C-alpha atoms as a PDB file:
ATOM      1  CA  UNK A   1     -17.816 -88.016  79.060  1.00  0.00           C
ATOM      2  CA  UNK A   2     -19.056 -86.913  82.604  1.00  0.00           C
ATOM      3  CA  UNK A   3     -19.979 -89.973  84.746  1.00  0.00           C
ATOM      4  CA  UNK A   4     -21.498 -89.802  88.294  1.00  0.00           C
ATOM      5  CA  UNK A   5     -21.084 -92.474  90.830  1.00  0.00           C
ATOM      6  CA  UNK A   6     -24.586 -93.920  90.228  1.00  0.00           C
ATOM      7  CA  UNK A   7     -23.702 -94.139  86.389  1.00  0.00           C
ATOM      8  CA  UNK A   8     -20.616 -96.101  87.406  1.00  0.00           C
ATOM      9  CA  UNK A   9     -22.466 -98.287  89.574  1.00  0.00           C
ATOM     10  CA  UNK A  10     -24.957 -98.989  86.831  1.00  0.00           C
ATOM     11  CA  UNK A  11     -22.169 -99.819  84.282  1.00  0.00           C
ATOM     12  CA  UNK A  12     -20.637-102.186  86.813  1.00  0.00           C
ATOM     13  CA  UNK A  13     -23.974-103.744  87.638  1.00  0.00           C
ATOM     14  CA  UNK A  14     -24.905-104.110  83.874  1.00  0.00           C
ATOM     15  CA  UNK A  15     -21.497-106.232  83.572  1.00  0.00           C
ATOM     16  CA  UNK A  16     -21.975-108.235  86.575  1.00  0.00           C
ATOM     17  CA  UNK A  17     -25.584-109.107  85.284  1.00  0.00           C
ATOM     18  CA  UNK A  18     -24.465-109.963  82.014  1.00  0.00           C
ATOM     19  CA  UNK A  19     -21.555-112.107  82.950  1.00  0.00           C
ATOM     20  CA  UNK A  20     -23.724-113.894  85.483  1.00  0.00           C
ATOM     21  CA  UNK A  21     -26.669-114.476  83.010  1.00  0.00           C
ATOM     22  CA  UNK A  22     -24.074-115.993  80.573  1.00  0.00           C
ATOM     23  CA  UNK A  23     -22.296-117.983  82.816  1.00  0.00           C
ATOM     24  CA  UNK A  24     -25.333-119.806  84.273  1.00  0.00           C
ATOM     25  CA  UNK A  25     -27.052-120.335  80.806  1.00  0.00           C
ATOM     26  CA  UNK A  26     -24.175-121.659  79.123  1.00  0.00           C
ATOM     27  CA  UNK A  27     -24.148-125.099  80.414  1.00  0.00           C
ATOM     28  CA  UNK A  28     -27.893-125.608  79.941  1.00  0.00           C
ATOM     29  CA  UNK A  29     -27.862-123.939  76.467  1.00  0.00           C
ATOM     30  CA  UNK A  30     -25.097-126.394  75.552  1.00  0.00           C
ATOM     31  CA  UNK A  31     -27.224-129.314  76.790  1.00  0.00           C
ATOM     32  CA  UNK A  32     -30.404-127.908  75.130  1.00  0.00           C
ATOM     33  CA  UNK A  33     -28.750-127.588  72.065  1.00  0.00           C
ATOM     34  CA  UNK A  34     -27.313-131.065  72.102  1.00  0.00           C
ATOM     35  CA  UNK A  35     -30.822-132.323  72.681  1.00  0.00           C
ATOM     36  CA  UNK A  36     -32.340-130.629  69.754  1.00  0.00           C
ATOM     37  CA  UNK A  37     -29.452-131.584  67.298  1.00  0.00           C
ATOM     38  CA  UNK A  38     -28.803-135.182  68.300  1.00  0.00           C
ATOM     39  CA  UNK A  39     -31.946-136.267  70.320  1.00  0.00           C
ATOM     40  CA  UNK A  40     -34.868-138.141  68.749  1.00  0.00           C
ATOM     41  CA  UNK A  41     -37.782-137.891  70.681  1.00  0.00           C
ATOM     42  CA  UNK A  42     -41.572-136.795  70.345  1.00  0.00           C
ATOM     43  CA  UNK A  43     -41.836-133.316  71.019  1.00  0.00           C
ATOM     44  CA  UNK A  44     -38.910-131.915  69.547  1.00  0.00           C
ATOM     45  CA  UNK A  45     -40.696-129.273  67.696  1.00  0.00           C
ATOM     46  CA  UNK A  46     -42.237-128.154  70.743  1.00  0.00           C
ATOM     47  CA  UNK A  47     -38.901-127.836  72.657  1.00  0.00           C
ATOM     48  CA  UNK A  48     -37.539-125.766  69.854  1.00  0.00           C
ATOM     49  CA  UNK A  49     -40.636-123.499  70.113  1.00  0.00           C
ATOM     50  CA  UNK A  50     -40.399-122.910  73.675  1.00  0.00           C
ATOM     51  CA  UNK A  51     -36.538-122.054  73.384  1.00  0.00           C
ATOM     52  CA  UNK A  52     -37.309-119.485  70.586  1.00  0.00           C
ATOM     53  CA  UNK A  53     -40.425-118.195  72.134  1.00  0.00           C
ATOM     54  CA  UNK A  54     -38.541-115.299  74.005  1.00  0.00           C
ATOM     55  CA  UNK A  55     -37.442-114.129  70.600  1.00  0.00           C
ATOM     56  CA  UNK A  56     -40.871-113.321  69.636  1.00  0.00           C
ATOM     57  CA  UNK A  57     -42.521-112.355  72.622  1.00  0.00           C
ATOM     58  CA  UNK A  58     -42.094-108.666  73.915  1.00  0.00           C
ATOM     59  CA  UNK A  59     -39.677-108.507  76.798  1.00  0.00           C
ATOM     60  CA  UNK A  60     -42.524-106.642  78.983  1.00  0.00           C
ATOM     61  CA  UNK A  61     -44.456-109.884  78.570  1.00  0.00           C
ATOM     62  CA  UNK A  62     -41.690-111.975  79.589  1.00  0.00           C
ATOM     63  CA  UNK A  63     -40.908-109.925  82.574  1.00  0.00           C
ATOM     64  CA  UNK A  64     -44.643-110.008  83.768  1.00  0.00           C
ATOM     65  CA  UNK A  65     -44.673-113.805  83.522  1.00  0.00           C
ATOM     66  CA  UNK A  66     -41.560-113.935  85.638  1.00  0.00           C
ATOM     67  CA  UNK A  67     -43.139-111.685  88.003  1.00  0.00           C
ATOM     68  CA  UNK A  68     -46.210-113.838  88.278  1.00  0.00           C
ATOM     69  CA  UNK A  69     -43.741-116.824  88.660  1.00  0.00           C
ATOM     70  CA  UNK A  70     -41.230-115.430  90.915  1.00  0.00           C
ATOM     71  CA  UNK A  71     -43.470-113.039  93.060  1.00  0.00           C
ATOM     72  CA  UNK A  72     -44.914-113.668  96.769  1.00  0.00           C
ATOM     73  CA  UNK A  73     -47.930-115.513  95.375  1.00  0.00           C
ATOM     74  CA  UNK A  74     -45.912-117.286  92.460  1.00  0.00           C
ATOM     75  CA  UNK A  75     -45.289-121.074  93.062  1.00  0.00           C
ATOM     76  CA  UNK A  76     -41.396-120.445  92.648  1.00  0.00           C
ATOM     77  CA  UNK A  77     -41.475-117.196  94.727  1.00  0.00           C
ATOM     78  CA  UNK A  78     -43.425-118.919  97.394  1.00  0.00           C
ATOM     79  CA  UNK A  79     -40.953-122.024  97.533  1.00  0.00           C
ATOM     80  CA  UNK A  80     -38.018-119.479  97.379  1.00  0.00           C
ATOM     81  CA  UNK A  81     -39.433-117.306  99.988  1.00  0.00           C
ATOM     82  CA  UNK A  82     -39.829-120.507 102.421  1.00  0.00           C
ATOM     83  CA  UNK A  83     -36.112-120.844 102.472  1.00  0.00           C
ATOM     84  CA  UNK A  84     -35.407-117.247 102.891  1.00  0.00           C
ATOM     85  CA  UNK A  85     -34.343-116.367  99.410  1.00  0.00           C
ATOM     86  CA  UNK A  86     -35.832-113.193  97.889  1.00  0.00           C
ATOM     87  CA  UNK A  87     -35.770-112.624  94.007  1.00  0.00           C
ATOM     88  CA  UNK A  88     -38.148-109.998  93.074  1.00  0.00           C
ATOM     89  CA  UNK A  89     -36.642-106.450  92.921  1.00  0.00           C
ATOM     90  CA  UNK A  90     -33.263-107.624  93.472  1.00  0.00           C
ATOM     91  CA  UNK A  91     -30.224-108.053  90.883  1.00  0.00           C
ATOM     92  CA  UNK A  92     -30.986-111.610  90.981  1.00  0.00           C
ATOM     93  CA  UNK A  93     -34.256-110.958  89.048  1.00  0.00           C
ATOM     94  CA  UNK A  94     -32.284-108.878  86.565  1.00  0.00           C
ATOM     95  CA  UNK A  95     -30.145-111.981  85.680  1.00  0.00           C
ATOM     96  CA  UNK A  96     -33.228-114.218  85.445  1.00  0.00           C
ATOM     97  CA  UNK A  97     -34.645-111.864  83.385  1.00  0.00           C
ATOM     98  CA  UNK A  98     -31.433-111.296  80.992  1.00  0.00           C
ATOM     99  CA  UNK A  99     -30.956-115.059  80.954  1.00  0.00           C
ATOM    100  CA  UNK A 100     -34.599-115.705  79.815  1.00  0.00           C
ATOM    101  CA  UNK A 101     -34.410-113.046  77.051  1.00  0.00           C
ATOM    102  CA  UNK A 102     -31.027-114.146  75.698  1.00  0.00           C
ATOM    103  CA  UNK A 103     -31.052-117.726  75.699  1.00  0.00           C
ATOM    104  CA  UNK A 104     -32.512-118.376  72.490  1.00  0.00           C
ATOM    105  CA  UNK A 105     -29.293-116.610  71.044  1.00  0.00           C
ATOM    106  CA  UNK A 106     -27.060-118.702  72.919  1.00  0.00           C
ATOM    107  CA  UNK A 107     -28.696-121.874  72.041  1.00  0.00           C
ATOM    108  CA  UNK A 108     -29.046-121.156  68.294  1.00  0.00           C
ATOM    109  CA  UNK A 109     -25.450-120.396  67.968  1.00  0.00           C
ATOM    110  CA  UNK A 110     -24.373-123.635  69.742  1.00  0.00           C
ATOM    111  CA  UNK A 111     -26.923-125.336  67.856  1.00  0.00           C
ATOM    112  CA  UNK A 112     -25.110-124.002  64.518  1.00  0.00           C
ATOM    113  CA  UNK A 113     -21.827-125.184  65.721  1.00  0.00           C
ATOM    114  CA  UNK A 114     -22.918-128.585  66.415  1.00  0.00           C
ATOM    115  CA  UNK A 115     -24.784-128.983  63.073  1.00  0.00           C
ATOM    116  CA  UNK A 116     -21.559-128.357  61.417  1.00  0.00           C
ATOM    117  CA  UNK A 117     -19.764-131.426  63.105  1.00  0.00           C
ATOM    118  CA  UNK A 118     -19.039-134.207  60.728  1.00  0.00           C
ATOM    119  CA  UNK A 119     -21.418-137.108  61.723  1.00  0.00           C
ATOM    120  CA  UNK A 120     -18.845-139.501  60.839  1.00  0.00           C
ATOM    121  CA  UNK A 121     -16.675-138.573  63.655  1.00  0.00           C
ATOM    122  CA  UNK A 122     -19.484-139.127  66.081  1.00  0.00           C
ATOM    123  CA  UNK A 123     -20.452-142.700  64.333  1.00  0.00           C
ATOM    124  CA  UNK A 124     -16.429-143.503  64.620  1.00  0.00           C
ATOM    125  CA  UNK A 125     -16.649-142.638  68.338  1.00  0.00           C
ATOM    126  CA  UNK A 126     -19.853-144.815  69.042  1.00  0.00           C
ATOM    127  CA  UNK A 127     -18.691-147.687  66.991  1.00  0.00           C
ATOM    128  CA  UNK A 128     -15.519-147.636  69.226  1.00  0.00           C
ATOM    129  CA  UNK A 129     -17.636-148.179  72.176  1.00  0.00           C
ATOM    130  CA  UNK A 130     -17.309-144.752  73.626  1.00  0.00           C
ATOM    131  CA  UNK A 131     -20.320-143.817  75.806  1.00  0.00           C
ATOM    132  CA  UNK A 132     -22.500-140.971  74.544  1.00  0.00           C
ATOM    133  CA  UNK A 133     -21.284-138.629  77.354  1.00  0.00           C
ATOM    134  CA  UNK A 134     -17.656-139.110  76.426  1.00  0.00           C
ATOM    135  CA  UNK A 135     -18.389-138.608  72.868  1.00  0.00           C
ATOM    136  CA  UNK A 136     -20.237-135.344  73.879  1.00  0.00           C
ATOM    137  CA  UNK A 137     -17.141-134.213  76.040  1.00  0.00           C
ATOM    138  CA  UNK A 138     -14.249-135.130  73.585  1.00  0.00           C
ATOM    139  CA  UNK A 139     -15.913-134.552  70.010  1.00  0.00           C
ATOM    140  CA  UNK A 140     -18.907-132.475  70.156  1.00  0.00           C
ATOM    141  CA  UNK A 141     -17.735-129.993  73.159  1.00  0.00           C
ATOM    142  CA  UNK A 142     -14.384-129.037  71.485  1.00  0.00           C
ATOM    143  CA  UNK A 143     -15.958-128.907  67.907  1.00  0.00           C
ATOM    144  CA  UNK A 144     -18.789-126.637  69.170  1.00  0.00           C
ATOM    145  CA  UNK A 145     -16.529-124.151  71.122  1.00  0.00           C
ATOM    146  CA  UNK A 146     -16.891-121.460  68.380  1.00  0.00           C
ATOM    147  CA  UNK A 147     -20.451-121.461  68.638  1.00  0.00           C
ATOM    148  CA  UNK A 148     -20.404-121.298  72.169  1.00  0.00           C
ATOM    149  CA  UNK A 149     -18.318-118.337  72.170  1.00  0.00           C
ATOM    150  CA  UNK A 150     -20.475-116.844  69.474  1.00  0.00           C
ATOM    151  CA  UNK A 151     -23.488-117.497  71.549  1.00  0.00           C
ATOM    152  CA  UNK A 152     -21.902-116.271  74.702  1.00  0.00           C
ATOM    153  CA  UNK A 153     -20.892-113.078  73.293  1.00  0.00           C
ATOM    154  CA  UNK A 154     -24.207-112.401  71.606  1.00  0.00           C
ATOM    155  CA  UNK A 155     -26.017-113.231  74.984  1.00  0.00           C
ATOM    156  CA  UNK A 156     -23.615-110.769  76.849  1.00  0.00           C
ATOM    157  CA  UNK A 157     -24.531-108.121  74.541  1.00  0.00           C
ATOM    158  CA  UNK A 158     -28.029-108.713  74.754  1.00  0.00           C
ATOM    159  CA  UNK A 159     -28.065-109.050  78.759  1.00  0.00           C
ATOM    160  CA  UNK A 160     -26.312-105.474  78.762  1.00  0.00           C
ATOM    161  CA  UNK A 161     -29.096-103.887  76.515  1.00  0.00           C
ATOM    162  CA  UNK A 162     -31.923-105.827  78.448  1.00  0.00           C
ATOM    163  CA  UNK A 163     -34.822-103.251  79.678  1.00  0.00           C
ATOM    164  CA  UNK A 164     -38.463-104.444  79.359  1.00  0.00           C
ATOM    165  CA  UNK A 165     -38.233-107.561  81.246  1.00  0.00           C
ATOM    166  CA  UNK A 166     -35.547-106.163  83.844  1.00  0.00           C
ATOM    167  CA  UNK A 167     -37.749-102.981  85.029  1.00  0.00           C
ATOM    168  CA  UNK A 168     -40.682-105.362  85.533  1.00  0.00           C
ATOM    169  CA  UNK A 169     -38.969-107.988  87.728  1.00  0.00           C
ATOM    170  CA  UNK A 170     -36.009-105.852  89.365  1.00  0.00           C
ATOM    171  CA  UNK A 171     -37.405-102.483  89.032  1.00  0.00           C
ATOM    172  CA  UNK A 172     -35.215 -99.315  88.575  1.00  0.00           C
ATOM    173  CA  UNK A 173     -33.532 -98.810  92.065  1.00  0.00           C
ATOM    174  CA  UNK A 174     -30.264 -96.677  91.848  1.00  0.00           C
ATOM    175  CA  UNK A 175     -27.377 -98.884  93.205  1.00  0.00           C
ATOM    176  CA  UNK A 176     -29.373-101.889  93.563  1.00  0.00           C
ATOM    177  CA  UNK A 177     -31.015-102.725  90.435  1.00  0.00           C
ATOM    178  CA  UNK A 178     -30.368 -99.947  87.952  1.00  0.00           C
ATOM    179  CA  UNK A 179     -28.472-100.835  84.866  1.00  0.00           C
ATOM    180  CA  UNK A 180     -27.426 -98.929  81.862  1.00  0.00           C
ATOM    181  CA  UNK A 181     -30.514 -98.979  80.026  1.00  0.00           C
ATOM    182  CA  UNK A 182     -32.685 -98.175  83.032  1.00  0.00           C
ATOM    183  CA  UNK A 183     -30.312 -95.233  83.900  1.00  0.00           C
ATOM    184  CA  UNK A 184     -30.691 -93.775  80.403  1.00  0.00           C
ATOM    185  CA  UNK A 185     -34.612 -94.326  80.512  1.00  0.00           C
ATOM    186  CA  UNK A 186     -34.166 -92.098  83.936  1.00  0.00           C
ATOM    187  CA  UNK A 187     -32.088 -89.433  81.993  1.00  0.00           C
ATOM    188  CA  UNK A 188     -34.296 -89.281  78.932  1.00  0.00           C
ATOM    189  CA  UNK A 189     -37.285 -88.677  81.226  1.00  0.00           C
ATOM    190  CA  UNK A 190     -35.583 -85.573  82.443  1.00  0.00           C
ATOM    191  CA  UNK A 191     -35.137 -82.267  80.577  1.00  0.00           C
ATOM    192  CA  UNK A 192     -31.826 -81.704  82.040  1.00  0.00           C
ATOM    193  CA  UNK A 193     -30.640 -85.464  81.510  1.00  0.00           C
ATOM    194  CA  UNK A 194     -29.633 -85.202  77.713  1.00  0.00           C
ATOM    195  CA  UNK A 195     -25.986 -85.097  78.250  1.00  0.00           C
ATOM    196  CA  UNK A 196     -25.801 -87.793  80.845  1.00  0.00           C
ATOM    197  CA  UNK A 197     -27.838 -89.998  78.756  1.00  0.00           C
ATOM    198  CA  UNK A 198     -25.855 -89.428  75.807  1.00  0.00           C
ATOM    199  CA  UNK A 199     -22.594 -90.512  77.964  1.00  0.00           C
ATOM    200  CA  UNK A 200     -24.189 -93.720  78.947  1.00  0.00           C
ATOM    201  CA  UNK A 201     -25.386 -94.262  75.497  1.00  0.00           C
ATOM    202  CA  UNK A 202     -21.537 -93.852  74.501  1.00  0.00           C
ATOM    203  CA  UNK A 203     -20.565 -96.384  77.197  1.00  0.00           C
ATOM    204  CA  UNK A 204     -23.204 -98.822  75.878  1.00  0.00           C
ATOM    205  CA  UNK A 205     -21.731 -98.489  72.356  1.00  0.00           C
ATOM    206  CA  UNK A 206     -18.131 -98.920  73.489  1.00  0.00           C
ATOM    207  CA  UNK A 207     -18.994-102.027  75.450  1.00  0.00           C
ATOM    208  CA  UNK A 208     -20.901-103.481  72.544  1.00  0.00           C
ATOM    209  CA  UNK A 209     -18.143-102.807  70.081  1.00  0.00           C
ATOM    210  CA  UNK A 210     -15.612-104.308  72.338  1.00  0.00           C
ATOM    211  CA  UNK A 211     -17.561-107.478  72.656  1.00  0.00           C
ATOM    212  CA  UNK A 212     -18.205-107.772  68.753  1.00  0.00           C
ATOM    213  CA  UNK A 213     -14.412-106.942  68.198  1.00  0.00           C
ATOM    214  CA  UNK A 214     -13.410-109.776  70.880  1.00  0.00           C
ATOM    215  CA  UNK A 215     -16.099-112.296  69.277  1.00  0.00           C
ATOM    216  CA  UNK A 216     -14.408-111.567  65.696  1.00  0.00           C
ATOM    217  CA  UNK A 217     -11.014-112.063  67.181  1.00  0.00           C
ATOM    218  CA  UNK A 218     -11.494-115.279  68.863  1.00  0.00           C
ATOM    219  CA  UNK A 219     -13.459-116.607  65.843  1.00  0.00           C
ATOM    220  CA  UNK A 220     -10.724-115.724  63.369  1.00  0.00           C
ATOM    221  CA  UNK A 221      -8.097-117.455  65.989  1.00  0.00           C
ATOM    222  CA  UNK A 222     -10.245-120.539  66.283  1.00  0.00           C
ATOM    223  CA  UNK A 223     -10.541-120.821  62.350  1.00  0.00           C
ATOM    224  CA  UNK A 224      -6.901-120.201  61.842  1.00  0.00           C
ATOM    225  CA  UNK A 225      -6.307-123.267  64.626  1.00  0.00           C
ATOM    226  CA  UNK A 226      -8.594-125.524  62.843  1.00  0.00           C
ATOM    227  CA  UNK A 227      -6.932-124.743  59.566  1.00  0.00           C
ATOM    228  CA  UNK A 228      -3.342-125.398  60.682  1.00  0.00           C
END
C-alpha cells in the first residue's frame, strides 16, 4: 500500500472531521432523543420527521441547503462573517455536513437505548422527588450508554464516508478539505490513479472494520457488565 503525503493528510483530516462531528452531535443527539422518547408535546411527529429527513434526502441536496444557509448571502453565513468566522470551503464546513448527515443515526441508536429502559425506574425516581434533570443524569444517561456508543460509532463511520454534502460546502482542496472519499474521487477520475484509489479504499475498509469491531467489543462488555 503506497500512500502519498496528501493521502495521509486526507486520512488524518477524515478522522479529525469524523471525531469532531461526533463529539459535537452527541450532547444534542442525547437531548433530542430524550425529547422524542419522554416528551409529551404537540408537534413531536414533525420533530421526528425533521430529525430523520437527512436519511431520505440525497447528500448533495443537504449540501446545497447548507451552502445556501452558510454562504455569503445566507443568514447564518452573513452573521458568522460579521464576527470574522468563515465556514464555507473550510474543514469546519465538512464537520457541519458530516454532522447533519450522520445525526439521524446517532439519535435513532440513543432513542432505542432509552426506549429499553424500565419505566418503573423512572417512576420510582420521580416519586422520590428527584428533579427530571437528576433522573436523566443518574438513570437515563447510564442506561442509555450502550445506545450512545452504538450511535457514536455509526455516526463516526458515516462521517468517514461522507462525500456528497462535503464536496458542496467544503470543496475538494488537497491538504485543506480533501477527505478520503474526495481523494478517491480524484484518483478514480484519473486514468493512472487506479492503484492509489485502491490503496485509499483499503484504508477506508480497515478503518470501518476497526470501528465496527470496537463497537461490538464495547457492546459485549456492557452486556456482560449488566448481566453481572
